[in-house]
C-alpha atoms as a PDB file:
ATOM      1  CA  MET A   1       0.000   0.000   0.000  1.00  0.00           C
ATOM      2  CA  GLU A   2       2.896   2.375   0.607  1.00  0.00           C
ATOM      3  CA  PHE A   3       3.796   2.029  -3.071  1.00  0.00           C
ATOM      4  CA  VAL A   4       0.384   3.431  -4.071  1.00  0.00           C
ATOM      5  CA  GLY A   5       0.932   6.350  -1.718  1.00  0.00           C
ATOM      6  CA  LEU A   6       4.211   7.146  -3.431  1.00  0.00           C
ATOM      7  CA  LEU A   7       2.563   7.120  -6.853  1.00  0.00           C
ATOM      8  CA  ALA A   8      -0.185   9.562  -5.879  1.00  0.00           C
ATOM      9  CA  PRO A   9       1.867  12.780  -6.355  1.00  0.00           C
ATOM     10  CA  VAL A  10       3.112  11.570  -9.738  1.00  0.00           C
ATOM     11  CA  ALA A  11      -0.434  10.777 -10.841  1.00  0.00           C
ATOM     12  CA  PHE A  12      -1.544  14.225  -9.661  1.00  0.00           C
ATOM     13  CA  VAL A  13       1.125  15.941 -11.777  1.00  0.00           C
ATOM     14  CA  PHE A  14       0.127  13.893 -14.818  1.00  0.00           C
ATOM     15  CA  ALA A  15      -3.529  14.785 -14.237  1.00  0.00           C
ATOM     16  CA  LEU A  16      -2.716  18.503 -14.089  1.00  0.00           C
ATOM     17  CA  SER A  17      -0.677  18.363 -17.277  1.00  0.00           C
ATOM     18  CA  SER A  18      -3.403  16.462 -19.114  1.00  0.00           C
ATOM     19  CA  ILE A  19      -5.997  19.040 -18.018  1.00  0.00           C
ATOM     20  CA  ALA A  20      -3.767  21.800 -19.385  1.00  0.00           C
ATOM     21  CA  GLN A  21      -3.351  19.904 -22.670  1.00  0.00           C
ATOM     22  CA  VAL A  22      -7.106  19.431 -23.026  1.00  0.00           C
ATOM     23  CA  SER A  23      -7.782  23.119 -22.456  1.00  0.00           C
ATOM     24  CA  SER A  24      -5.193  24.142 -25.041  1.00  0.00           C
ATOM     25  CA  LEU A  25      -6.677  21.628 -27.479  1.00  0.00           C
ATOM     26  CA  LYS A  26     -10.134  23.139 -26.923  1.00  0.00           C
ATOM     27  CA  LYS A  27      -8.769  26.595 -27.727  1.00  0.00           C
ATOM     28  CA  GLU A  28      -7.186  25.266 -30.904  1.00  0.00           C
ATOM     29  CA  VAL A  29     -10.446  23.626 -31.995  1.00  0.00           C
ATOM     30  CA  GLU A  30     -12.331  26.877 -31.409  1.00  0.00           C
ATOM     31  CA  GLN A  31      -9.822  28.765 -33.552  1.00  0.00           C
ATOM     32  CA  LEU A  32     -10.177  26.212 -36.331  1.00  0.00           C
ATOM     33  CA  LYS A  33     -13.978  26.495 -36.165  1.00  0.00           C
ATOM     34  CA  GLU A  34     -13.741  30.266 -36.526  1.00  0.00           C
ATOM     35  CA  GLU A  35     -11.415  29.923 -39.514  1.00  0.00           C
ATOM     36  CA  LEU A  36     -13.776  27.452 -41.177  1.00  0.00           C
ATOM     37  CA  ASN A  37     -16.727  29.772 -40.657  1.00  0.00           C
ATOM     38  CA  LYS A  38     -14.768  32.631 -42.230  1.00  0.00           C
ATOM     39  CA  LEU A  39     -13.954  30.476 -45.243  1.00  0.00           C
ATOM     40  CA  LYS A  40     -17.620  29.469 -45.674  1.00  0.00           C
ATOM     41  CA  GLU A  41     -18.765  33.100 -45.853  1.00  0.00           C
END
């Protein structure tokens, strides 16, 4: 069980970095949507 306790901080750091990646990906998708809408007009 101590091993799981040692992994918790590492898992937390990975979770934070994945959340940051997802938010940047969302921003990128929004920008692409805007560009597509401009091209359609």
